[in-house]
Amino acid sequence: MRVTKVIARVVAGCAGLLFAEASLAQSPGYPDRPVKIIVPFAAAGPTDVVARLITQKLSERFGQQFYTENMGGAGGNLGMAAVARSPADGYTILFSSSSYTVNPSLYARAPYDPDRDFAPVTKAAGSPNGLFVHPSIPAKSVKELVDLLKANPGKYTFASPGIGTTPHLSSELFKLTFALDFALAPFPGGGPSIQSVVGGHTPMCFQAIPPATPLVRDGKLRALAITAKTRSPALPDVPTLDELGIKDQEAETMQGVLVPAGTPKPIVDLLQTEIARIVNLPDVRDKMLAMGLEPDGMSPAEFAAYIKADVAKWKKVIADAKIPQIGG
């Protein structure tokens, strides 16, 4: 089975390379100057790390500088709006997280329209959220945790990396699914939120897998489940909520690549082909998997459908959980 998969990847890689050469022929001269990739968050987060891995490989591939510019603020809105207003020529690229699909419902006046202002390129990678608890919590399974929370309404608090992040929304969805009563404590990012759980101050959380994986291995956190259809290679012994019979809880922090609407299709196709090739290079793939990120590389059409479904999913959760719109 593994040999078959390897052969399939080799064949796909060769096909992708041929397609890339064809796309280059359709986009003569691109790129003929430096290309800016805007990450709408601070440096050193998962989105920034993946973007820098890819920009380095793109620079090597094309012999032109692809460089990352961090433009954080307003939950990613500042950077995303800046790309939406940029020329549609392939020289300004957005590398964003799931904030792209959440913010249009979370903010009363989001400064971009995901349907109108961008052309999807690809989902470079994704990381499902995990349900983690401090080792002092007696629950050893999701069922035991639900029973504990039901027996102690209002007693426990879940940490989150911030309002509108998919870990926060996973907490809200979990709360709605089981009619639970617990408080939510938003922190300014994944690092502070998970450290609060490690310290036992807010002893439970949904969290993107990458920063939690080494803490689980060191025994500082207990992982109960992940929010995916299949298990994560980073935490192979941890079940999914779906396999536990808890349906429709899938959620991830995606790493997506988009360009301004109207960017020529040959450029979009070329970028998709190259990024899909890059994220499946052995060295890049290994680095991503070690971080708890699963490489992807879906087509522009597949990514457009993914975005549409994700926007609808989180719009419903935000409405059902009665999360107030920011700036409303």
C-alpha atoms as a PDB file:
ATOM      1  CA  MET A   1       0.000   0.000   0.000  1.00  0.00           C
ATOM      2  CA  ARG A   2       2.788   2.421   0.914  1.00  0.00           C
ATOM      3  CA  VAL A   3       4.633   1.608  -2.342  1.00  0.00           C
ATOM      4  CA  THR A   4       1.455   2.324  -4.314  1.00  0.00           C
ATOM      5  CA  LYS A   5       1.070   5.679  -2.587  1.00  0.00           C
ATOM      6  CA  VAL A   6       4.688   6.609  -3.278  1.00  0.00           C
ATOM      7  CA  ILE A   7       4.278   5.724  -6.966  1.00  0.00           C
ATOM      8  CA  ALA A   8       1.075   7.778  -7.111  1.00  0.00           C
ATOM      9  CA  ARG A   9       2.857  10.771  -5.620  1.00  0.00           C
ATOM     10  CA  VAL A  10       5.732  10.466  -8.078  1.00  0.00           C
ATOM     11  CA  VAL A  11       3.298  10.312 -11.012  1.00  0.00           C
ATOM     12  CA  ALA A  12       1.339  13.275  -9.645  1.00  0.00           C
ATOM     13  CA  GLY A  13       4.548  15.225  -9.145  1.00  0.00           C
ATOM     14  CA  CYS A  14       5.668  14.599 -12.734  1.00  0.00           C
ATOM     15  CA  ALA A  15       2.250  15.620 -14.047  1.00  0.00           C
ATOM     16  CA  GLY A  16       2.344  18.754 -11.907  1.00  0.00           C
ATOM     17  CA  LEU A  17       5.783  19.667 -13.240  1.00  0.00           C
ATOM     18  CA  LEU A  18       4.602  19.295 -16.835  1.00  0.00           C
ATOM     19  CA  PHE A  19       1.551  21.419 -16.059  1.00  0.00           C
ATOM     20  CA  ALA A  20       3.747  24.064 -14.428  1.00  0.00           C
ATOM     21  CA  GLU A  21       5.911  24.265 -17.546  1.00  0.00           C
ATOM     22  CA  ALA A  22       2.761  24.675 -19.674  1.00  0.00           C
ATOM     23  CA  SER A  23       1.498  27.420 -17.351  1.00  0.00           C
ATOM     24  CA  LEU A  24       4.844  29.201 -17.574  1.00  0.00           C
ATOM     25  CA  ALA A  25       4.461  29.218 -21.336  1.00  0.00           C
ATOM     26  CA  GLN A  26       1.011  30.819 -20.946  1.00  0.00           C
ATOM     27  CA  SER A  27       2.369  33.459 -18.519  1.00  0.00           C
ATOM     28  CA  PRO A  28       5.519  34.714 -20.281  1.00  0.00           C
ATOM     29  CA  GLY A  29       7.723  36.822 -18.061  1.00  0.00           C
ATOM     30  CA  TYR A  30       5.967  35.991 -14.781  1.00  0.00           C
ATOM     31  CA  PRO A  31       7.440  36.683 -12.382  1.00  0.00           C
ATOM     32  CA  ASP A  32       9.905  39.265 -13.660  1.00  0.00           C
ATOM     33  CA  ARG A  33      10.203  41.195 -10.387  1.00  0.00           C
ATOM     34  CA  PRO A  34       9.889  40.463  -6.652  1.00  0.00           C
ATOM     35  CA  VAL A  35       6.578  39.035  -5.420  1.00  0.00           C
ATOM     36  CA  LYS A  36       5.173  40.066  -2.052  1.00  0.00           C
ATOM     37  CA  ILE A  37       3.295  37.554   0.110  1.00  0.00           C
ATOM     38  CA  ILE A  38       1.305  39.264   2.849  1.00  0.00           C
ATOM     39  CA  VAL A  39       0.720  37.318   6.053  1.00  0.00           C
ATOM     40  CA  PRO A  40      -1.993  39.195   7.989  1.00  0.00           C
ATOM     41  CA  PHE A  41      -0.611  38.143  11.378  1.00  0.00           C
ATOM     42  CA  ALA A  42       2.500  38.627  13.473  1.00  0.00           C
ATOM     43  CA  ALA A  43       5.707  36.747  12.706  1.00  0.00           C
ATOM     44  CA  ALA A  44       6.484  33.262  14.067  1.00  0.00           C
ATOM     45  CA  GLY A  45       2.910  31.923  14.109  1.00  0.00           C
ATOM     46  CA  PRO A  46       1.954  28.822  12.065  1.00  0.00           C
ATOM     47  CA  THR A  47       0.741  30.867   9.083  1.00  0.00           C
ATOM     48  CA  ASP A  48       3.953  32.871   8.997  1.00  0.00           C
ATOM     49  CA  VAL A  49       6.149  29.769   9.348  1.00  0.00           C
ATOM     50  CA  VAL A  50       4.432  27.945   6.468  1.00  0.00           C
ATOM     51  CA  ALA A  51       4.444  31.072   4.293  1.00  0.00           C
ATOM     52  CA  ARG A  52       8.201  31.452   4.759  1.00  0.00           C
ATOM     53  CA  LEU A  53       8.825  27.806   3.883  1.00  0.00           C
ATOM     54  CA  ILE A  54       6.909  28.271   0.652  1.00  0.00           C
ATOM     55  CA  THR A  55       8.363  31.669  -0.289  1.00  0.00           C
ATOM     56  CA  GLN A  56      11.881  30.259  -0.065  1.00  0.00           C
ATOM     57  CA  LYS A  57      11.017  27.406  -2.435  1.00  0.00           C
ATOM     58  CA  LEU A  58       9.170  29.718  -4.846  1.00  0.00           C
ATOM     59  CA  SER A  59      12.216  31.991  -4.997  1.00  0.00           C
ATOM     60  CA  GLU A  60      14.424  29.005  -5.812  1.00  0.00           C
ATOM     61  CA  ARG A  61      11.992  27.751  -8.454  1.00  0.00           C
ATOM     62  CA  PHE A  62      11.519  31.012 -10.347  1.00  0.00           C
ATOM     63  CA  GLY A  63      14.839  32.771  -9.755  1.00  0.00           C
ATOM     64  CA  GLN A  64      12.909  35.797  -8.481  1.00  0.00           C
ATOM     65  CA  GLN A  65      12.501  36.968  -4.916  1.00  0.00           C
ATOM     66  CA  PHE A  66       9.281  35.936  -3.189  1.00  0.00           C
ATOM     67  CA  TYR A  67       9.234  37.632   0.210  1.00  0.00           C
ATOM     68  CA  THR A  68       6.934  37.669   3.219  1.00  0.00           C
ATOM     69  CA  GLU A  69       5.540  40.835   4.764  1.00  0.00           C
ATOM     70  CA  ASN A  70       3.687  40.614   8.084  1.00  0.00           C
ATOM     71  CA  MET A  71       0.728  42.971   8.317  1.00  0.00           C
ATOM     72  CA  GLY A  72      -1.164  42.099  11.491  1.00  0.00           C
ATOM     73  CA  GLY A  73      -4.139  43.833  13.054  1.00  0.00           C
ATOM     74  CA  ALA A  74      -7.916  43.546  13.454  1.00  0.00           C
ATOM     75  CA  GLY A  75      -7.881  39.754  13.433  1.00  0.00           C
ATOM     76  CA  GLY A  76      -6.166  39.659  10.059  1.00  0.00           C
ATOM     77  CA  ASN A  77      -8.516  42.160   8.418  1.00  0.00           C
ATOM     78  CA  LEU A  78      -5.856  44.804   7.771  1.00  0.00           C
ATOM     79  CA  GLY A  79      -3.622  42.519   5.754  1.00  0.00           C
ATOM     80  CA  MET A  80      -6.494  40.850   3.920  1.00  0.00           C
ATOM     81  CA  ALA A  81      -7.969  44.232   2.956  1.00  0.00           C
ATOM     82  CA  ALA A  82      -4.559  45.401   1.714  1.00  0.00           C
ATOM     83  CA  VAL A  83      -4.317  42.424  -0.652  1.00  0.00           C
ATOM     84  CA  ALA A  84      -7.904  42.885  -1.826  1.00  0.00           C
ATOM     85  CA  ARG A  85      -7.004  46.456  -2.901  1.00  0.00           C
ATOM     86  CA  SER A  86      -3.781  45.407  -4.659  1.00  0.00           C
ATOM     87  CA  PRO A  87      -3.366  45.114  -8.446  1.00  0.00           C
ATOM     88  CA  ALA A  88      -4.556  41.777  -9.830  1.00  0.00           C
ATOM     89  CA  ASP A  89      -1.240  40.928 -11.427  1.00  0.00           C
ATOM     90  CA  GLY A  90       0.169  38.110  -9.289  1.00  0.00           C
ATOM     91  CA  TYR A  91       2.717  40.289  -7.511  1.00  0.00           C
ATOM     92  CA  THR A  92       0.781  40.561  -4.243  1.00  0.00           C
ATOM     93  CA  ILE A  93      -0.378  37.283  -2.677  1.00  0.00           C
ATOM     94  CA  LEU A  94      -2.344  36.626   0.516  1.00  0.00           C
ATOM     95  CA  PHE A  95      -1.307  33.788   2.796  1.00  0.00           C
ATOM     96  CA  SER A  96      -4.028  33.579   5.424  1.00  0.00           C
ATOM     97  CA  SER A  97      -5.570  31.331   8.042  1.00  0.00           C
ATOM     98  CA  SER A  98      -9.198  30.458   8.730  1.00  0.00           C
ATOM     99  CA  SER A  99      -9.777  34.062   9.793  1.00  0.00           C
ATOM    100  CA  TYR A 100     -10.424  34.575   6.086  1.00  0.00           C
ATOM    101  CA  THR A 101     -13.612  32.490   6.276  1.00  0.00           C
ATOM    102  CA  VAL A 102     -14.662  33.515   9.801  1.00  0.00           C
ATOM    103  CA  ASN A 103     -14.258  37.301   9.762  1.00  0.00           C
ATOM    104  CA  PRO A 104     -17.049  38.118   7.275  1.00  0.00           C
ATOM    105  CA  SER A 105     -19.544  36.781   9.869  1.00  0.00           C
ATOM    106  CA  LEU A 106     -17.649  37.846  12.992  1.00  0.00           C
ATOM    107  CA  TYR A 107     -17.144  41.496  12.058  1.00  0.00           C
ATOM    108  CA  ALA A 108     -20.049  43.832  11.445  1.00  0.00           C
ATOM    109  CA  ARG A 109     -18.104  45.538   8.648  1.00  0.00           C
ATOM    110  CA  ALA A 110     -15.445  43.179   7.322  1.00  0.00           C
ATOM    111  CA  PRO A 111     -13.272  45.131   4.843  1.00  0.00           C
ATOM    112  CA  TYR A 112     -13.401  42.431   2.156  1.00  0.00           C
ATOM    113  CA  ASP A 113     -15.856  40.055   0.525  1.00  0.00           C
ATOM    114  CA  PRO A 114     -14.494  36.493   0.145  1.00  0.00           C
ATOM    115  CA  ASP A 115     -16.692  35.881  -2.906  1.00  0.00           C
ATOM    116  CA  ARG A 116     -15.977  39.150  -4.706  1.00  0.00           C
ATOM    117  CA  ASP A 117     -12.499  40.370  -3.769  1.00  0.00           C
ATOM    118  CA  PHE A 118     -10.261  37.298  -4.086  1.00  0.00           C
ATOM    119  CA  ALA A 119      -9.402  34.434  -6.406  1.00  0.00           C
ATOM    120  CA  PRO A 120      -8.609  31.242  -4.455  1.00  0.00           C
ATOM    121  CA  VAL A 121      -5.284  29.611  -5.340  1.00  0.00           C
ATOM    122  CA  THR A 122      -4.916  26.650  -2.974  1.00  0.00           C
ATOM    123  CA  LYS A 123      -5.108  25.393   0.572  1.00  0.00           C
ATOM    124  CA  ALA A 124      -1.458  24.803   1.323  1.00  0.00           C
ATOM    125  CA  ALA A 125      -2.031  22.975   4.590  1.00  0.00           C
ATOM    126  CA  GLY A 126      -4.426  22.529   7.466  1.00  0.00           C
ATOM    127  CA  SER A 127      -4.292  21.665  11.128  1.00  0.00           C
ATOM    128  CA  PRO A 128      -7.318  20.265  12.966  1.00  0.00           C
ATOM    129  CA  ASN A 129      -8.039  21.477  16.442  1.00  0.00           C
ATOM    130  CA  GLY A 130      -7.536  19.240  19.425  1.00  0.00           C
ATOM    131  CA  LEU A 131      -9.453  18.973  22.693  1.00  0.00           C
ATOM    132  CA  PHE A 132      -6.859  19.197  25.468  1.00  0.00           C
ATOM    133  CA  VAL A 133      -7.038  19.210  29.252  1.00  0.00           C
ATOM    134  CA  HIS A 134      -4.559  19.702  32.064  1.00  0.00           C
ATOM    135  CA  PRO A 135      -3.371  16.339  33.511  1.00  0.00           C
ATOM    136  CA  SER A 136      -5.036  17.204  36.844  1.00  0.00           C
ATOM    137  CA  ILE A 137      -8.475  16.979  35.213  1.00  0.00           C
ATOM    138  CA  PRO A 138      -9.867  13.511  36.031  1.00  0.00           C
ATOM    139  CA  ALA A 139     -11.512  13.027  32.622  1.00  0.00           C
ATOM    140  CA  LYS A 140      -9.618  10.535  30.468  1.00  0.00           C
ATOM    141  CA  SER A 141     -12.059  10.600  27.550  1.00  0.00           C
ATOM    142  CA  VAL A 142     -14.481  12.975  25.859  1.00  0.00           C
ATOM    143  CA  LYS A 143     -17.455  11.209  27.465  1.00  0.00           C
ATOM    144  CA  GLU A 144     -15.897  11.588  30.904  1.00  0.00           C
ATOM    145  CA  LEU A 145     -15.219  15.263  30.197  1.00  0.00           C
ATOM    146  CA  VAL A 146     -18.816  15.872  29.109  1.00  0.00           C
ATOM    147  CA  ASP A 147     -20.063  14.105  32.238  1.00  0.00           C
ATOM    148  CA  LEU A 148     -17.715  16.218  34.378  1.00  0.00           C
ATOM    149  CA  LEU A 149     -18.896  19.455  32.806  1.00  0.00           C
ATOM    150  CA  LYS A 150     -22.565  18.496  33.116  1.00  0.00           C
ATOM    151  CA  ALA A 151     -22.071  17.642  36.794  1.00  0.00           C
ATOM    152  CA  ASN A 152     -20.359  20.981  37.430  1.00  0.00           C
ATOM    153  CA  PRO A 153     -22.196  23.679  35.460  1.00  0.00           C
ATOM    154  CA  GLY A 154     -20.368  26.989  35.363  1.00  0.00           C
ATOM    155  CA  LYS A 155     -17.323  25.668  37.245  1.00  0.00           C
ATOM    156  CA  TYR A 156     -14.816  25.180  34.414  1.00  0.00           C
ATOM    157  CA  THR A 157     -13.271  27.520  31.848  1.00  0.00           C
ATOM    158  CA  PHE A 158     -11.992  26.811  28.341  1.00  0.00           C
ATOM    159  CA  ALA A 159      -9.081  28.854  27.013  1.00  0.00           C
ATOM    160  CA  SER A 160      -9.023  30.029  23.393  1.00  0.00           C
ATOM    161  CA  PRO A 161      -6.473  31.832  21.202  1.00  0.00           C
ATOM    162  CA  GLY A 162      -8.951  34.669  20.683  1.00  0.00           C
ATOM    163  CA  ILE A 163     -12.497  35.484  19.666  1.00  0.00           C
ATOM    164  CA  GLY A 164     -13.315  34.145  16.219  1.00  0.00           C
ATOM    165  CA  THR A 165     -10.438  31.691  15.961  1.00  0.00           C
ATOM    166  CA  THR A 166     -11.477  28.180  14.976  1.00  0.00           C
ATOM    167  CA  PRO A 167     -10.437  26.828  18.425  1.00  0.00           C
ATOM    168  CA  HIS A 168     -12.817  29.368  19.987  1.00  0.00           C
ATOM    169  CA  LEU A 169     -15.570  28.382  17.576  1.00  0.00           C
ATOM    170  CA  SER A 170     -14.888  24.688  18.205  1.00  0.00           C
ATOM    171  CA  SER A 171     -15.477  25.383  21.909  1.00  0.00           C
ATOM    172  CA  GLU A 172     -18.762  27.100  21.082  1.00  0.00           C
ATOM    173  CA  LEU A 173     -19.847  24.232  18.829  1.00  0.00           C
ATOM    174  CA  PHE A 174     -18.955  21.649  21.492  1.00  0.00           C
ATOM    175  CA  LYS A 175     -20.895  23.684  24.053  1.00  0.00           C
ATOM    176  CA  LEU A 176     -23.960  23.852  21.794  1.00  0.00           C
ATOM    177  CA  THR A 177     -23.803  20.159  20.875  1.00  0.00           C
ATOM    178  CA  PHE A 178     -23.960  18.970  24.490  1.00  0.00           C
ATOM    179  CA  ALA A 179     -25.830  21.960  26.025  1.00  0.00           C
ATOM    180  CA  LEU A 180     -22.889  22.561  28.363  1.00  0.00           C
ATOM    181  CA  ASP A 181     -22.320  25.438  30.753  1.00  0.00           C
ATOM    182  CA  PHE A 182     -18.709  26.594  30.873  1.00  0.00           C
ATOM    183  CA  ALA A 183     -16.941  29.933  30.550  1.00  0.00           C
ATOM    184  CA  LEU A 184     -14.635  30.915  27.715  1.00  0.00           C
ATOM    185  CA  ALA A 185     -11.433  32.879  28.261  1.00  0.00           C
ATOM    186  CA  PRO A 186      -9.989  34.448  25.102  1.00  0.00           C
ATOM    187  CA  PHE A 187      -6.233  35.040  25.024  1.00  0.00           C
ATOM    188  CA  PRO A 188      -4.137  37.065  22.550  1.00  0.00           C
ATOM    189  CA  GLY A 189      -2.930  34.080  20.563  1.00  0.00           C
ATOM    190  CA  GLY A 190      -2.283  30.363  20.755  1.00  0.00           C
ATOM    191  CA  GLY A 191       0.853  30.626  22.890  1.00  0.00           C
ATOM    192  CA  PRO A 192      -0.711  32.439  25.868  1.00  0.00           C
ATOM    193  CA  SER A 193      -3.886  30.335  25.754  1.00  0.00           C
ATOM    194  CA  ILE A 194      -2.123  26.994  25.803  1.00  0.00           C
ATOM    195  CA  GLN A 195       0.311  28.117  28.502  1.00  0.00           C
ATOM    196  CA  SER A 196      -2.682  28.982  30.665  1.00  0.00           C
ATOM    197  CA  VAL A 197      -3.887  25.391  30.272  1.00  0.00           C
ATOM    198  CA  VAL A 198      -0.428  23.985  30.999  1.00  0.00           C
ATOM    199  CA  GLY A 199      -0.369  26.133  34.152  1.00  0.00           C
ATOM    200  CA  GLY A 200      -3.790  24.843  35.181  1.00  0.00           C
ATOM    201  CA  HIS A 201      -5.314  28.332  35.276  1.00  0.00           C
ATOM    202  CA  THR A 202      -7.846  27.587  32.539  1.00  0.00           C
ATOM    203  CA  PRO A 203      -7.565  23.800  32.509  1.00  0.00           C
ATOM    204  CA  MET A 204      -9.267  22.959  29.191  1.00  0.00           C
ATOM    205  CA  CYS A 205      -9.130  24.133  25.619  1.00  0.00           C
ATOM    206  CA  PHE A 206      -9.626  23.502  21.976  1.00  0.00           C
ATOM    207  CA  GLN A 207      -6.369  24.421  20.304  1.00  0.00           C
ATOM    208  CA  ALA A 208      -4.702  24.031  16.926  1.00  0.00           C
ATOM    209  CA  ILE A 209      -2.490  20.963  17.113  1.00  0.00           C
ATOM    210  CA  PRO A 210       0.970  22.423  16.275  1.00  0.00           C
ATOM    211  CA  PRO A 211       1.768  24.191  19.585  1.00  0.00           C
ATOM    212  CA  ALA A 212       0.120  21.447  21.663  1.00  0.00           C
ATOM    213  CA  THR A 213       1.843  18.385  20.184  1.00  0.00           C
ATOM    214  CA  PRO A 214       5.164  18.638  22.103  1.00  0.00           C
ATOM    215  CA  LEU A 215       3.286  19.391  25.318  1.00  0.00           C
ATOM    216  CA  VAL A 216       1.224  16.215  24.919  1.00  0.00           C
ATOM    217  CA  ARG A 217       4.392  14.207  24.310  1.00  0.00           C
ATOM    218  CA  ASP A 218       5.955  15.707  27.460  1.00  0.00           C
ATOM    219  CA  GLY A 219       2.892  14.846  29.562  1.00  0.00           C
ATOM    220  CA  LYS A 220       2.005  18.482  30.226  1.00  0.00           C
ATOM    221  CA  LEU A 221      -1.322  18.166  28.400  1.00  0.00           C
ATOM    222  CA  ARG A 222      -3.758  15.305  27.832  1.00  0.00           C
ATOM    223  CA  ALA A 223      -5.284  15.072  24.361  1.00  0.00           C
ATOM    224  CA  LEU A 224      -8.831  13.694  24.292  1.00  0.00           C
ATOM    225  CA  ALA A 225      -9.820  14.082  20.628  1.00  0.00           C
ATOM    226  CA  ILE A 226      -9.266  16.028  17.434  1.00  0.00           C
ATOM    227  CA  THR A 227     -11.750  17.796  15.179  1.00  0.00           C
ATOM    228  CA  ALA A 228     -11.115  15.904  11.939  1.00  0.00           C
ATOM    229  CA  LYS A 229     -12.510  13.001   9.932  1.00  0.00           C
ATOM    230  CA  THR A 230      -9.224  11.104  10.171  1.00  0.00           C
ATOM    231  CA  ARG A 231      -6.552  10.942  12.848  1.00  0.00           C
ATOM    232  CA  SER A 232      -3.609  13.308  12.737  1.00  0.00           C
ATOM    233  CA  PRO A 233      -0.121  11.926  11.993  1.00  0.00           C
ATOM    234  CA  ALA A 234       1.130  14.245  14.755  1.00  0.00           C
ATOM    235  CA  LEU A 235      -1.128  12.555  17.359  1.00  0.00           C
ATOM    236  CA  PRO A 236      -1.893   9.126  15.888  1.00  0.00           C
ATOM    237  CA  ASP A 237      -3.191   7.647  19.157  1.00  0.00           C
ATOM    238  CA  VAL A 238      -5.782  10.376  19.672  1.00  0.00           C
ATOM    239  CA  PRO A 239      -9.280   9.602  18.303  1.00  0.00           C
ATOM    240  CA  THR A 240     -11.362  11.964  16.227  1.00  0.00           C
ATOM    241  CA  LEU A 241     -14.657  13.269  17.557  1.00  0.00           C
ATOM    242  CA  ASP A 242     -16.270  11.736  14.480  1.00  0.00           C
ATOM    243  CA  GLU A 243     -15.054   8.213  15.291  1.00  0.00           C
ATOM    244  CA  LEU A 244     -16.350   8.707  18.826  1.00  0.00           C
ATOM    245  CA  GLY A 245     -19.800   9.258  17.322  1.00  0.00           C
ATOM    246  CA  ILE A 246     -19.819  13.034  17.832  1.00  0.00           C
ATOM    247  CA  LYS A 247     -20.666  14.256  14.352  1.00  0.00           C
ATOM    248  CA  ASP A 248     -20.184  17.528  12.469  1.00  0.00           C
ATOM    249  CA  GLN A 249     -17.446  18.857  14.746  1.00  0.00           C
ATOM    250  CA  GLU A 250     -14.802  19.095  12.029  1.00  0.00           C
ATOM    251  CA  ALA A 251     -12.743  22.254  12.270  1.00  0.00           C
ATOM    252  CA  GLU A 252      -9.243  23.236  11.333  1.00  0.00           C
ATOM    253  CA  THR A 253      -6.933  26.171  11.009  1.00  0.00           C
ATOM    254  CA  MET A 254      -6.217  26.235   7.297  1.00  0.00           C
ATOM    255  CA  GLN A 255      -3.264  27.881   5.604  1.00  0.00           C
ATOM    256  CA  GLY A 256      -4.699  29.328   2.409  1.00  0.00           C
ATOM    257  CA  VAL A 257      -3.250  31.163  -0.579  1.00  0.00           C
ATOM    258  CA  LEU A 258      -5.313  33.746  -2.449  1.00  0.00           C
ATOM    259  CA  VAL A 259      -4.762  36.561  -4.924  1.00  0.00           C
ATOM    260  CA  PRO A 260      -6.841  39.621  -5.812  1.00  0.00           C
ATOM    261  CA  ALA A 261      -9.878  38.908  -7.971  1.00  0.00           C
ATOM    262  CA  GLY A 262      -9.120  39.311 -11.660  1.00  0.00           C
ATOM    263  CA  THR A 263      -5.618  37.867 -11.479  1.00  0.00           C
ATOM    264  CA  PRO A 264      -5.007  36.079 -14.819  1.00  0.00           C
ATOM    265  CA  LYS A 265      -5.946  32.421 -14.649  1.00  0.00           C
ATOM    266  CA  PRO A 266      -2.591  31.168 -15.982  1.00  0.00           C
ATOM    267  CA  ILE A 267      -0.871  32.884 -13.033  1.00  0.00           C
ATOM    268  CA  VAL A 268      -3.380  31.423 -10.560  1.00  0.00           C
ATOM    269  CA  ASP A 269      -2.886  27.951 -12.053  1.00  0.00           C
ATOM    270  CA  LEU A 270       0.890  28.308 -12.057  1.00  0.00           C
ATOM    271  CA  LEU A 271       0.970  29.356  -8.393  1.00  0.00           C
ATOM    272  CA  GLN A 272      -1.350  26.502  -7.414  1.00  0.00           C
ATOM    273  CA  THR A 273       0.723  23.908  -9.234  1.00  0.00           C
ATOM    274  CA  GLU A 274       3.990  25.136  -7.747  1.00  0.00           C
ATOM    275  CA  ILE A 275       2.675  25.455  -4.186  1.00  0.00           C
ATOM    276  CA  ALA A 276       1.074  21.995  -4.362  1.00  0.00           C
ATOM    277  CA  ARG A 277       4.435  20.625  -5.515  1.00  0.00           C
ATOM    278  CA  ILE A 278       6.338  22.482  -2.797  1.00  0.00           C
ATOM    279  CA  VAL A 279       4.185  21.391   0.156  1.00  0.00           C
ATOM    280  CA  ASN A 280       4.666  17.770  -0.891  1.00  0.00           C
ATOM    281  CA  LEU A 281       8.448  17.960  -1.197  1.00  0.00           C
ATOM    282  CA  PRO A 282       9.881  15.555   1.401  1.00  0.00           C
ATOM    283  CA  ASP A 283      11.728  18.227   3.400  1.00  0.00           C
ATOM    284  CA  VAL A 284       8.778  20.629   3.479  1.00  0.00           C
ATOM    285  CA  ARG A 285       6.262  17.871   4.140  1.00  0.00           C
ATOM    286  CA  ASP A 286       8.337  16.518   7.025  1.00  0.00           C
ATOM    287  CA  LYS A 287       8.618  19.966   8.614  1.00  0.00           C
ATOM    288  CA  MET A 288       4.863  20.519   8.308  1.00  0.00           C
ATOM    289  CA  LEU A 289       3.934  17.125   9.725  1.00  0.00           C
ATOM    290  CA  ALA A 290       6.307  17.660  12.642  1.00  0.00           C
ATOM    291  CA  MET A 291       4.397  20.872  13.398  1.00  0.00           C
ATOM    292  CA  GLY A 292       1.035  19.080  13.226  1.00  0.00           C
ATOM    293  CA  LEU A 293       0.186  20.594   9.850  1.00  0.00           C
ATOM    294  CA  GLU A 294      -1.059  18.365   7.043  1.00  0.00           C
ATOM    295  CA  PRO A 295       0.067  19.433   3.543  1.00  0.00           C
ATOM    296  CA  ASP A 296      -2.646  19.806   0.930  1.00  0.00           C
ATOM    297  CA  GLY A 297      -2.452  21.610  -2.424  1.00  0.00           C
ATOM    298  CA  MET A 298      -6.074  21.472  -3.597  1.00  0.00           C
ATOM    299  CA  SER A 299      -7.070  23.001  -6.935  1.00  0.00           C
ATOM    300  CA  PRO A 300      -8.496  26.542  -7.147  1.00  0.00           C
ATOM    301  CA  ALA A 301     -11.986  25.099  -7.740  1.00  0.00           C
ATOM    302  CA  GLU A 302     -11.690  22.753  -4.758  1.00  0.00           C
ATOM    303  CA  PHE A 303     -10.424  25.574  -2.578  1.00  0.00           C
ATOM    304  CA  ALA A 304     -13.300  27.833  -3.673  1.00  0.00           C
ATOM    305  CA  ALA A 305     -15.795  25.130  -2.611  1.00  0.00           C
ATOM    306  CA  TYR A 306     -13.924  24.664   0.681  1.00  0.00           C
ATOM    307  CA  ILE A 307     -14.116  28.415   1.390  1.00  0.00           C
ATOM    308  CA  LYS A 308     -17.834  28.555   0.615  1.00  0.00           C
ATOM    309  CA  ALA A 309     -18.586  25.654   2.970  1.00  0.00           C
ATOM    310  CA  ASP A 310     -16.354  27.041   5.745  1.00  0.00           C
ATOM    311  CA  VAL A 311     -17.945  30.498   5.588  1.00  0.00           C
ATOM    312  CA  ALA A 312     -21.418  28.942   5.896  1.00  0.00           C
ATOM    313  CA  LYS A 313     -20.383  26.629   8.756  1.00  0.00           C
ATOM    314  CA  TRP A 314     -18.911  29.363  10.945  1.00  0.00           C
ATOM    315  CA  LYS A 315     -21.674  31.821  10.109  1.00  0.00           C
ATOM    316  CA  LYS A 316     -24.166  29.349  11.592  1.00  0.00           C
ATOM    317  CA  VAL A 317     -22.048  28.679  14.698  1.00  0.00           C
ATOM    318  CA  ILE A 318     -21.574  32.412  15.334  1.00  0.00           C
ATOM    319  CA  ALA A 319     -25.327  32.963  15.005  1.00  0.00           C
ATOM    320  CA  ASP A 320     -26.359  29.928  17.089  1.00  0.00           C
ATOM    321  CA  ALA A 321     -23.874  30.769  19.847  1.00  0.00           C
ATOM    322  CA  LYS A 322     -25.045  34.397  19.791  1.00  0.00           C
ATOM    323  CA  ILE A 323     -21.498  35.691  19.510  1.00  0.00           C
ATOM    324  CA  PRO A 324     -21.729  39.498  19.223  1.00  0.00           C
ATOM    325  CA  GLN A 325     -20.341  40.911  16.015  1.00  0.00           C
ATOM    326  CA  ILE A 326     -17.197  42.949  16.476  1.00  0.00           C
ATOM    327  CA  GLY A 327     -17.811  46.588  15.651  1.00  0.00           C
ATOM    328  CA  GLY A 328     -21.563  46.069  15.596  1.00  0.00           C
END
